[in-house]
Amino acid sequence: MKKFVLTVCFLIFIVSLFAARVDSLQVYSASMNKRVPVVVVMPTEGISANKKLPVLYLLHGAFGKYNNWIIKVPAIKQLADQYGMMIVCPDGGHTSWYFDSPIDSTYRYETFITKELISHIDRNYPTVANRNGRAITGLSMGGHGGIFLTYRHPDLFSACGSTSGALHISVITRGYDVEKRLGDPTANSSYWKDWSVLDIIENKTSESFKIIIDCGTEDRVLPMNRAVHEKMLQLKIPHEYIERPGGHDFNYWTESIHHQALFFYRHFQSISGS
């Protein structure tokens, strides 16, 4: 028995030597005049000293925070190692919806992610520092953020995704603070419409990018995802759409991130030609 315990401890020690590195950062946001917490998962297995790494920006949902993914889905460390990509999980201010709020200057999370965070990561880590080396996705509110930010900044991301995304904010009029970010739905109706993924996908972009969307068949936001999928088909927007059994919870998201990480890995490989 003692020999068995020692063997198990040795194996755990060996595995830990090759586990991805997890950094906890405080990234200063000049636009919001505060430091924003961020988790960075840095692959270590099989990575050469001079290798530049692609980055997957992974967003949390409403009322969540920056460390949700690493705590609730620690397997993202293995995914970083398996696919040789960095995973960056920024804080989204609980219910920022990753907008630069037109009514509250303390919420400028679009600027934070697209200008301040990306710049910080590219300065301090060995990244592929252009759109070919960046993808962004997230869960629920973060799923909306991933597609929203890519359509707003196609020069920064070459792929985006959403899992269980709340993709039609025009109907989220209570309970999730959208009104605190965009203002009254009637007075500010243009924001509610134009900043909803369901409508923003009508905008033609100068750059093409890969898109993956998935949602559980028991998820309350499934109708939003189906609506976006159907509209993308009508608009002839190439995308991968998946429905699998599951609800709006981390049981589903734990499975989803494995599928999405593989999707982004294949995308990065196709661009790099390796």
Protein backbone atom coordinates (compact mmCIF):
# COMPACT_ATOMS: atom_id res chain seq x y z
CA MET A 1 0.00 0.00 0.00
CA LYS A 2 2.81 2.39 0.93
CA LYS A 3 4.57 1.66 -2.36
CA PHE A 4 1.31 2.37 -4.26
CA VAL A 5 0.87 5.73 -2.50
CA LEU A 6 4.45 6.72 -3.28
CA THR A 7 3.97 5.77 -6.93
CA VAL A 8 0.79 7.86 -7.21
CA CYS A 9 2.51 10.85 -5.57
CA PHE A 10 5.44 10.52 -7.95
CA LEU A 11 3.12 10.44 -10.97
CA ILE A 12 1.27 13.54 -9.74
CA PHE A 13 4.63 15.28 -9.30
CA ILE A 14 5.72 14.35 -12.83
CA VAL A 15 2.42 15.55 -14.32
CA SER A 16 2.71 18.83 -12.42
CA LEU A 17 6.10 19.47 -14.02
CA PHE A 18 4.38 19.68 -17.40
CA ALA A 19 1.19 21.47 -16.39
CA ALA A 20 0.37 24.82 -17.92
CA ARG A 21 1.39 27.87 -15.93
CA VAL A 22 -1.37 30.03 -14.48
CA ASP A 23 -0.67 33.74 -13.94
CA SER A 24 -2.99 36.06 -12.03
CA LEU A 25 -2.62 39.64 -13.24
CA GLN A 26 -3.95 43.09 -12.44
CA VAL A 27 -4.03 44.91 -15.76
CA TYR A 28 -4.39 48.66 -15.54
CA SER A 29 -7.21 50.19 -17.55
CA ALA A 30 -6.61 53.86 -18.32
CA SER A 31 -10.11 54.11 -19.80
CA MET A 32 -11.70 53.09 -16.48
CA ASN A 33 -8.89 54.26 -14.18
CA LYS A 34 -8.64 50.97 -12.33
CA ARG A 35 -6.88 47.63 -12.36
CA VAL A 36 -8.80 44.71 -13.82
CA PRO A 37 -8.03 41.14 -12.69
CA VAL A 38 -7.09 38.66 -15.42
CA VAL A 39 -6.07 35.00 -15.47
CA VAL A 40 -3.52 33.89 -18.07
CA VAL A 41 -3.01 30.19 -18.78
CA MET A 42 0.38 29.73 -20.38
CA PRO A 43 1.20 26.37 -22.00
CA THR A 44 4.53 24.87 -21.04
CA GLU A 45 4.53 21.35 -22.49
CA GLY A 46 6.38 21.07 -25.77
CA ILE A 47 6.80 24.84 -26.16
CA SER A 48 10.18 26.04 -27.43
CA ALA A 49 11.78 29.18 -26.05
CA ASN A 50 11.29 31.23 -29.22
CA LYS A 51 7.82 29.98 -30.22
CA LYS A 52 5.08 32.57 -30.64
CA LEU A 53 1.73 31.43 -29.29
CA PRO A 54 -1.86 32.04 -30.46
CA VAL A 55 -4.22 33.38 -27.82
CA LEU A 56 -7.79 32.42 -26.99
CA TYR A 57 -9.61 35.12 -25.03
CA LEU A 58 -12.22 33.36 -22.88
CA LEU A 59 -15.04 35.44 -21.37
CA HIS A 60 -17.24 34.71 -18.36
CA GLY A 61 -21.00 35.14 -18.06
CA ALA A 62 -23.25 37.62 -16.26
CA PHE A 63 -22.57 37.94 -12.52
CA GLY A 64 -19.42 35.89 -13.00
CA LYS A 65 -15.79 36.93 -12.74
CA TYR A 66 -12.37 36.44 -14.23
CA ASN A 67 -11.47 33.20 -12.41
CA ASN A 68 -14.71 31.31 -13.09
CA TRP A 69 -13.24 29.30 -15.94
CA ILE A 70 -10.01 28.27 -14.21
CA ILE A 71 -11.81 27.31 -10.98
CA LYS A 72 -14.83 25.56 -12.45
CA VAL A 73 -13.12 24.10 -15.53
CA PRO A 74 -9.49 23.49 -14.52
CA ALA A 75 -9.15 21.32 -17.63
CA ILE A 76 -8.46 24.50 -19.60
CA LYS A 77 -4.88 24.12 -18.35
CA GLN A 78 -4.62 20.80 -20.16
CA LEU A 79 -6.25 22.30 -23.24
CA ALA A 80 -3.65 25.07 -23.30
CA ASP A 81 -0.88 22.47 -23.21
CA GLN A 82 -2.59 20.10 -25.63
CA TYR A 83 -3.15 22.76 -28.28
CA GLY A 84 -0.17 25.02 -27.62
CA MET A 85 -2.25 28.14 -27.10
CA MET A 86 -2.53 30.74 -24.38
CA ILE A 87 -5.92 31.21 -22.72
CA VAL A 88 -6.69 34.64 -21.27
CA CYS A 89 -9.69 35.14 -18.98
CA PRO A 90 -10.40 38.81 -18.19
CA ASP A 91 -12.88 40.16 -15.68
CA GLY A 92 -15.98 41.56 -17.34
CA GLY A 93 -17.33 43.66 -14.51
CA HIS A 94 -20.04 41.14 -13.58
CA THR A 95 -22.59 42.58 -16.05
CA SER A 96 -20.66 44.82 -18.42
CA TRP A 97 -21.88 42.86 -21.46
CA TYR A 98 -18.39 43.80 -22.71
CA PHE A 99 -19.72 47.18 -23.86
CA ASP A 100 -18.38 50.69 -23.61
CA SER A 101 -21.51 51.91 -21.88
CA PRO A 102 -22.91 55.09 -23.48
CA ILE A 103 -24.49 56.07 -20.14
CA ASP A 104 -21.87 54.99 -17.59
CA SER A 105 -18.23 55.94 -18.22
CA THR A 106 -17.03 53.53 -15.53
CA TYR A 107 -17.95 50.62 -17.82
CA ARG A 108 -15.61 50.60 -20.81
CA TYR A 109 -14.93 46.92 -21.20
CA GLU A 110 -14.90 46.97 -25.00
CA THR A 111 -11.99 49.40 -24.86
CA PHE A 112 -10.35 47.44 -22.07
CA ILE A 113 -10.31 44.15 -23.97
CA THR A 114 -9.66 45.39 -27.50
CA LYS A 115 -7.05 48.05 -26.70
CA GLU A 116 -5.65 47.75 -23.19
CA LEU A 117 -5.71 44.02 -22.47
CA ILE A 118 -4.57 42.80 -25.89
CA SER A 119 -1.77 45.35 -25.84
CA HIS A 120 -0.67 44.23 -22.37
CA ILE A 121 -0.70 40.54 -23.30
CA ASP A 122 1.23 41.11 -26.53
CA ARG A 123 3.87 43.20 -24.71
CA ASN A 124 4.44 40.73 -21.91
CA TYR A 125 3.97 37.28 -23.46
CA PRO A 126 5.32 35.51 -26.57
CA THR A 127 2.17 35.89 -28.64
CA VAL A 128 1.35 35.86 -32.32
CA ALA A 129 0.65 39.58 -32.10
CA ASN A 130 -1.86 39.99 -34.91
CA ARG A 131 -5.41 38.89 -35.72
CA ASN A 132 -4.21 35.55 -37.12
CA GLY A 133 -3.14 34.59 -33.62
CA ARG A 134 -6.27 35.70 -31.76
CA ALA A 135 -9.69 34.17 -31.14
CA ILE A 136 -12.35 35.06 -28.60
CA THR A 137 -15.30 33.17 -27.12
CA GLY A 138 -17.23 32.88 -23.90
CA LEU A 139 -20.31 31.62 -22.12
CA SER A 140 -23.72 33.30 -21.91
CA MET A 141 -22.98 37.05 -21.64
CA GLY A 142 -19.45 36.16 -22.69
CA GLY A 143 -20.79 34.37 -25.76
CA HIS A 144 -22.48 37.59 -26.77
CA GLY A 145 -19.23 39.43 -26.02
CA GLY A 146 -17.13 37.13 -28.18
CA ILE A 147 -19.19 37.65 -31.34
CA PHE A 148 -20.00 41.30 -30.57
CA LEU A 149 -16.35 42.29 -30.11
CA THR A 150 -15.25 40.43 -33.23
CA TYR A 151 -17.84 42.12 -35.43
CA ARG A 152 -16.84 45.46 -33.92
CA HIS A 153 -13.11 44.74 -34.29
CA PRO A 154 -12.54 42.26 -37.12
CA ASP A 155 -9.00 43.59 -37.45
CA LEU A 156 -8.17 42.08 -34.04
CA PHE A 157 -9.67 38.57 -34.16
CA SER A 158 -9.65 35.91 -36.87
CA ALA A 159 -12.12 33.63 -35.09
CA CYS A 160 -14.85 33.90 -32.50
CA GLY A 161 -17.36 31.76 -30.70
CA SER A 162 -20.22 31.53 -28.26
CA THR A 163 -21.40 28.82 -25.93
CA SER A 164 -24.92 29.22 -24.52
CA GLY A 165 -24.76 32.81 -25.69
CA ALA A 166 -27.37 35.38 -24.74
CA LEU A 167 -27.28 36.60 -28.33
CA HIS A 168 -30.42 38.74 -28.48
CA ILE A 169 -30.08 41.45 -25.83
CA SER A 170 -33.09 43.37 -27.13
CA VAL A 171 -35.33 40.97 -25.19
CA ILE A 172 -33.25 40.97 -21.98
CA THR A 173 -34.99 43.96 -20.42
CA ARG A 174 -34.77 42.95 -16.78
CA GLY A 175 -32.62 41.00 -14.39
CA TYR A 176 -29.27 41.15 -16.19
CA ASP A 177 -28.38 44.86 -16.04
CA VAL A 178 -28.47 45.50 -19.78
CA GLU A 179 -30.54 48.61 -19.04
CA LYS A 180 -27.76 49.83 -16.72
CA ARG A 181 -25.28 49.64 -19.60
CA LEU A 182 -27.40 50.86 -22.53
CA GLY A 183 -30.08 52.97 -20.86
CA ASP A 184 -33.81 52.99 -21.38
CA PRO A 185 -34.87 50.50 -24.10
CA THR A 186 -37.18 53.07 -25.69
CA ALA A 187 -35.06 56.21 -25.46
CA ASN A 188 -31.89 54.34 -26.45
CA SER A 189 -33.54 51.82 -28.75
CA SER A 190 -30.76 52.09 -31.35
CA TYR A 191 -28.19 50.74 -28.87
CA TRP A 192 -30.44 47.86 -27.86
CA LYS A 193 -30.89 46.89 -31.49
CA ASP A 194 -27.56 47.70 -33.07
CA TRP A 195 -25.47 46.13 -30.28
CA SER A 196 -27.36 42.85 -30.18
CA VAL A 197 -25.57 39.98 -31.92
CA LEU A 198 -28.80 39.06 -33.67
CA ASP A 199 -28.62 42.40 -35.50
CA ILE A 200 -24.90 43.16 -35.57
CA ILE A 201 -24.28 40.15 -37.81
CA GLU A 202 -26.01 42.10 -40.58
CA ASN A 203 -22.97 44.39 -40.70
CA LYS A 204 -20.49 43.47 -43.42
CA THR A 205 -16.92 43.44 -42.20
CA SER A 206 -13.69 44.12 -44.05
CA GLU A 207 -12.20 40.88 -42.73
CA SER A 208 -13.58 37.35 -42.71
CA PHE A 209 -13.37 35.20 -39.58
CA LYS A 210 -14.32 31.75 -38.38
CA ILE A 211 -17.38 31.40 -36.13
CA ILE A 212 -18.54 28.60 -33.83
CA ILE A 213 -21.81 28.69 -31.87
CA ASP A 214 -23.13 25.95 -29.61
CA CYS A 215 -25.97 25.65 -27.12
CA GLY A 216 -27.65 23.00 -25.00
CA THR A 217 -31.03 21.68 -26.07
CA GLU A 218 -32.43 22.29 -22.56
CA ASP A 219 -31.00 25.80 -22.33
CA ARG A 220 -33.35 28.76 -21.91
CA VAL A 221 -31.31 30.80 -24.42
CA LEU A 222 -31.63 28.16 -27.15
CA PRO A 223 -34.21 30.20 -29.11
CA MET A 224 -31.72 33.10 -29.32
CA ASN A 225 -29.03 30.79 -30.67
CA ARG A 226 -31.38 29.25 -33.23
CA ALA A 227 -32.46 32.71 -34.36
CA VAL A 228 -28.83 33.77 -34.93
CA HIS A 229 -28.06 30.50 -36.70
CA GLU A 230 -31.04 30.87 -39.01
CA LYS A 231 -30.19 34.48 -39.76
CA MET A 232 -26.58 33.56 -40.54
CA LEU A 233 -27.86 30.95 -42.97
CA GLN A 234 -30.05 33.56 -44.64
CA LEU A 235 -27.14 35.99 -44.85
CA LYS A 236 -24.83 33.22 -46.06
CA ILE A 237 -22.40 33.75 -43.20
CA PRO A 238 -20.19 30.65 -42.84
CA HIS A 239 -20.29 29.27 -39.31
CA GLU A 240 -20.36 26.06 -37.31
CA TYR A 241 -23.51 25.56 -35.27
CA ILE A 242 -23.99 22.78 -32.71
CA GLU A 243 -26.81 21.74 -30.41
CA ARG A 244 -26.09 19.11 -27.77
CA PRO A 245 -28.01 17.87 -24.73
CA GLY A 246 -27.47 20.16 -21.76
CA GLY A 247 -28.57 23.23 -19.87
CA HIS A 248 -27.20 26.62 -18.90
CA ASP A 249 -24.53 25.38 -16.50
CA PHE A 250 -20.90 24.39 -16.12
CA ASN A 251 -21.66 20.74 -16.82
CA TYR A 252 -22.43 21.82 -20.37
CA TRP A 253 -19.68 24.45 -20.59
CA THR A 254 -17.03 21.97 -19.43
CA GLU A 255 -17.83 19.82 -22.47
CA SER A 256 -18.27 22.79 -24.78
CA ILE A 257 -14.83 24.30 -24.20
CA HIS A 258 -13.20 21.05 -25.34
CA HIS A 259 -15.04 21.27 -28.68
CA GLN A 260 -14.35 24.96 -29.09
CA ALA A 261 -10.67 24.70 -28.17
CA LEU A 262 -10.23 22.07 -30.89
CA PHE A 263 -12.09 24.31 -33.36
CA PHE A 264 -9.78 27.24 -32.62
CA TYR A 265 -6.68 25.02 -32.66
CA ARG A 266 -7.56 23.78 -36.14
CA HIS A 267 -8.21 27.35 -37.22
CA PHE A 268 -4.82 28.52 -35.95
CA GLN A 269 -3.14 25.56 -37.62
CA SER A 270 -4.80 26.31 -40.94
CA ILE A 271 -3.58 29.91 -40.83
CA SER A 272 -0.04 29.10 -39.78
CA GLY A 273 0.22 26.29 -42.32
CA SER A 274 1.73 23.91 -39.76
